[in-house]
C-alpha atoms as a PDB file:
ATOM      1  CA  MET A   1     -44.947 175.394  14.544  1.00  0.00           C
ATOM      2  CA  GLU A   2     -43.516 172.590  16.715  1.00  0.00           C
ATOM      3  CA  PHE A   3     -39.798 172.292  16.536  1.00  0.00           C
ATOM      4  CA  GLU A   4     -39.949 168.456  16.131  1.00  0.00           C
ATOM      5  CA  ASN A   5     -42.179 168.882  13.046  1.00  0.00           C
ATOM      6  CA  VAL A   6     -39.517 171.218  11.492  1.00  0.00           C
ATOM      7  CA  LYS A   7     -36.894 168.761  12.180  1.00  0.00           C
ATOM      8  CA  SER A   8     -38.928 165.910  10.677  1.00  0.00           C
ATOM      9  CA  LEU A   9     -39.600 167.980   7.469  1.00  0.00           C
ATOM     10  CA  ILE A  10     -35.835 168.528   7.041  1.00  0.00           C
ATOM     11  CA  LYS A  11     -34.705 165.056   7.948  1.00  0.00           C
ATOM     12  CA  ASN A  12     -37.259 163.510   5.583  1.00  0.00           C
ATOM     13  CA  LYS A  13     -35.449 165.162   2.692  1.00  0.00           C
ATOM     14  CA  ILE A  14     -31.901 165.167   4.135  1.00  0.00           C
ATOM     15  CA  PRO A  15     -31.731 161.950   6.310  1.00  0.00           C
ATOM     16  CA  ASP A  16     -28.142 162.626   7.689  1.00  0.00           C
ATOM     17  CA  ALA A  17     -29.000 166.115   8.903  1.00  0.00           C
ATOM     18  CA  ASP A  18     -28.366 167.321  12.330  1.00  0.00           C
ATOM     19  CA  VAL A  19     -30.965 169.966  12.941  1.00  0.00           C
ATOM     20  CA  THR A  20     -31.238 172.471  15.735  1.00  0.00           C
ATOM     21  CA  VAL A  21     -34.147 174.836  15.955  1.00  0.00           C
ATOM     22  CA  ILE A  22     -34.322 178.059  17.926  1.00  0.00           C
ATOM     23  CA  ASP A  23     -37.382 180.179  18.578  1.00  0.00           C
ATOM     24  CA  LEU A  24     -36.016 183.677  17.864  1.00  0.00           C
ATOM     25  CA  THR A  25     -39.184 185.654  19.085  1.00  0.00           C
ATOM     26  CA  GLY A  26     -41.074 183.373  21.453  1.00  0.00           C
ATOM     27  CA  THR A  27     -43.847 182.970  18.925  1.00  0.00           C
ATOM     28  CA  LYS A  28     -42.693 179.514  17.338  1.00  0.00           C
ATOM     29  CA  ASP A  29     -42.969 181.126  13.883  1.00  0.00           C
ATOM     30  CA  HIS A  30     -39.603 183.044  13.520  1.00  0.00           C
ATOM     31  CA  LEU A  31     -37.041 180.320  13.616  1.00  0.00           C
ATOM     32  CA  GLY A  32     -33.373 180.003  13.879  1.00  0.00           C
ATOM     33  CA  LEU A  33     -32.166 176.800  12.076  1.00  0.00           C
ATOM     34  CA  GLU A  34     -28.731 175.128  12.116  1.00  0.00           C
ATOM     35  CA  ILE A  35     -28.576 172.231   9.811  1.00  0.00           C
ATOM     36  CA  VAL A  36     -25.341 169.987   9.551  1.00  0.00           C
ATOM     37  CA  SER A  37     -25.312 167.503   6.724  1.00  0.00           C
ATOM     38  CA  ASN A  38     -22.868 166.046   4.233  1.00  0.00           C
ATOM     39  CA  GLU A  39     -25.649 166.713   1.570  1.00  0.00           C
ATOM     40  CA  PHE A  40     -24.109 170.266   1.536  1.00  0.00           C
ATOM     41  CA  THR A  41     -20.659 169.043   0.403  1.00  0.00           C
ATOM     42  CA  GLY A  42     -19.613 170.812  -2.855  1.00  0.00           C
ATOM     43  CA  LYS A  43     -22.644 173.106  -2.863  1.00  0.00           C
ATOM     44  CA  ARG A  44     -22.503 176.874  -2.541  1.00  0.00           C
ATOM     45  CA  LEU A  45     -24.090 178.496   0.572  1.00  0.00           C
ATOM     46  CA  ILE A  46     -26.989 179.892  -1.522  1.00  0.00           C
ATOM     47  CA  GLN A  47     -27.636 176.428  -2.873  1.00  0.00           C
ATOM     48  CA  GLN A  48     -27.550 174.995   0.701  1.00  0.00           C
ATOM     49  CA  HIS A  49     -30.057 177.621   1.851  1.00  0.00           C
ATOM     50  CA  GLN A  50     -32.250 177.028  -1.163  1.00  0.00           C
ATOM     51  CA  MET A  51     -32.515 173.448  -0.372  1.00  0.00           C
ATOM     52  CA  ILE A  52     -33.856 174.306   3.184  1.00  0.00           C
ATOM     53  CA  MET A  53     -36.237 176.936   1.804  1.00  0.00           C
ATOM     54  CA  ASP A  54     -37.631 174.555  -0.652  1.00  0.00           C
ATOM     55  CA  ILE A  55     -38.275 172.017   2.138  1.00  0.00           C
ATOM     56  CA  LEU A  56     -39.986 174.638   4.251  1.00  0.00           C
ATOM     57  CA  LYS A  57     -41.955 176.314   1.222  1.00  0.00           C
ATOM     58  CA  GLU A  58     -45.480 175.108   2.121  1.00  0.00           C
ATOM     59  CA  GLU A  59     -45.080 176.250   5.786  1.00  0.00           C
ATOM     60  CA  LEU A  60     -43.783 179.576   4.715  1.00  0.00           C
ATOM     61  CA  ASN A  61     -46.516 180.067   2.152  1.00  0.00           C
ATOM     62  CA  GLN A  62     -49.182 179.220   4.577  1.00  0.00           C
ATOM     63  CA  ASN A  63     -47.667 181.610   7.160  1.00  0.00           C
ATOM     64  CA  ILE A  64     -47.090 178.658   9.598  1.00  0.00           C
ATOM     65  CA  ILE A  65     -43.492 179.890   9.670  1.00  0.00           C
ATOM     66  CA  HIS A  66     -43.127 183.663   9.184  1.00  0.00           C
ATOM     67  CA  ALA A  67     -39.225 183.870   9.150  1.00  0.00           C
ATOM     68  CA  VAL A  68     -36.144 181.689   9.261  1.00  0.00           C
ATOM     69  CA  GLN A  69     -32.490 182.348   9.901  1.00  0.00           C
ATOM     70  CA  ILE A  70     -30.550 179.554   8.228  1.00  0.00           C
ATOM     71  CA  LYS A  71     -27.045 178.305   9.007  1.00  0.00           C
ATOM     72  CA  THR A  72     -25.944 175.402   7.105  1.00  0.00           C
ATOM     73  CA  MET A  73     -22.582 173.349   7.142  1.00  0.00           C
ATOM     74  CA  THR A  74     -21.073 170.122   6.305  1.00  0.00           C
ATOM     75  CA  LYS A  75     -20.190 167.725   9.220  1.00  0.00           C
ATOM     76  CA  GLU A  76     -16.607 168.392   8.534  1.00  0.00           C
ATOM     77  CA  GLN A  77     -17.137 172.183   8.788  1.00  0.00           C
ATOM     78  CA  LYS A  78     -19.005 171.579  12.110  1.00  0.00           C
ATOM     79  CA  GLU A  79     -16.136 169.521  13.488  1.00  0.00           C
ATOM     80  CA  LYS A  80     -13.701 172.251  12.574  1.00  0.00           C
ATOM     81  CA  GLN A  81     -15.979 174.915  14.255  1.00  0.00           C
ATOM     82  CA  ASN A  82     -16.222 172.842  17.417  1.00  0.00           C
ATOM     83  CA  GLY A  83     -12.526 172.392  17.497  1.00  0.00           C
ATOM     84  CA  LYS A  84     -11.845 176.125  17.342  1.00  0.00           C
ATOM     85  CA  GLU A  85     -14.384 176.709  20.076  1.00  0.00           C
ATOM     86  CA  SER A  86     -12.687 174.415  22.449  1.00  0.00           C
ATOM     87  CA  LEU A  87      -9.258 176.338  22.122  1.00  0.00           C
END
């Protein structure tokens, strides 16, 4: 699946999301996703991942996407992470 399509699917449901897609195997069907959004504020990690899996459910059921590795965080968490990386 084209990465822009994955980004569009997620951004349609989570408009403020910053989405990074990485091809984990070179086949474009095993994807690493990093999604940064304030929609995740106050939600447990499992709830955040369920939001993403619900968005991608059809593509997973049709085997367009075979596997996803999901990393989710709020914009504040991302800023803190970036601050630590620059030290």
